């Protein structure tokens, strides 16, 4: 009994010491498992958007988690900065010309921040350095030059997901462009001449008005010429009647004391001059007749051109209004009351 009392404290102390050592061993084992005593190397990357990024997201290399995202912040120029660390076990894989790729999955499998190793050997990339995103200008340059190991083939879902972001960016750019075009068309239809399309439509409208005015003036001149030709033709008809009358002009000219005798008494000089004048008049009349025929034949075409120009302007306005009011944007083409055609009336007036 005295022996037990004498060594009781030593026995308790041994057990307490064993418990402490066991606890320290457990803590050390847990710390080693949780990497409490390992060193992490800090790096960062820049992405155009923060969609799909979150703190704690794993950084994967060939399917292995080599690090985690520690911070996601909005940087300058509305870009997203992603800070992450790489475990010291994999630090020798972080070589220059490496790139990062954000892979998102709609089903929640296979996504994350993927690291693509740069080609070459040597020292690892200096800590706190930028590893460019694969869709950035620097990342595209590295990939195009073949300086990074980017898998050329892989899981179909992963490849489709990797292409979704550029495709959405292209669609967004297209929609912005379409919206800008519709805006320009709306302003042009509203008469805003500050837009190139509006200015062009105004110039085309002015040009058509000038052409219409010119054609109207030409038509009036043609009508005046035809009236003059009609008067000349009447005069020639009267002259022809006089020539056919046996008691009229011909007997007087053939009389012994008439004009023909007078003409013939000067060695045919006056006769020759009159003959030359008549030939000149005949040629002039032929030209006038050809001009009259040309004007008469082209007058329906002129009227048709005016009518077709007016219909083309109306059709162009309908097309522009249809583009502006497309069903995907607003509404269809506003119905317009039919305009009566003037082409038939011009044709009836002449023929």
Foldseek 3Di string as FASTA:
>chain_A
DVVCVVCVVVVVVVVVVVVVVVVVVVVVVVCVVVVVPFDWFKEKEKAQDCPQPDFQFFEDEPRDGFWTWHDWDQDPPRIIMTMIIGTPVCQQQQAPLKAWEFFDAPVRPPTTIYIWGFDDHDHHDHGHYYHYHCPDPSNVVSVVVVGTDDDPDDDPRRVVRSCPVVVVVVVVVVVVVLVVVLVLLVCLLVQNCVRVNVVVLVVVVVVLVVLVVVLVVVLVVLVVLVVVLVVVVVVVVVVVVQVVDPPHDVVQCVDCPHDVVVCVVVVNPVVVVVVVVVVVVVVVNVVSVVVNVVSLVCQLVSLVVSQVVVVVSVVVSQVSQQSSQPPVHHHGGDDDDDDDGCSVVSVVVSD
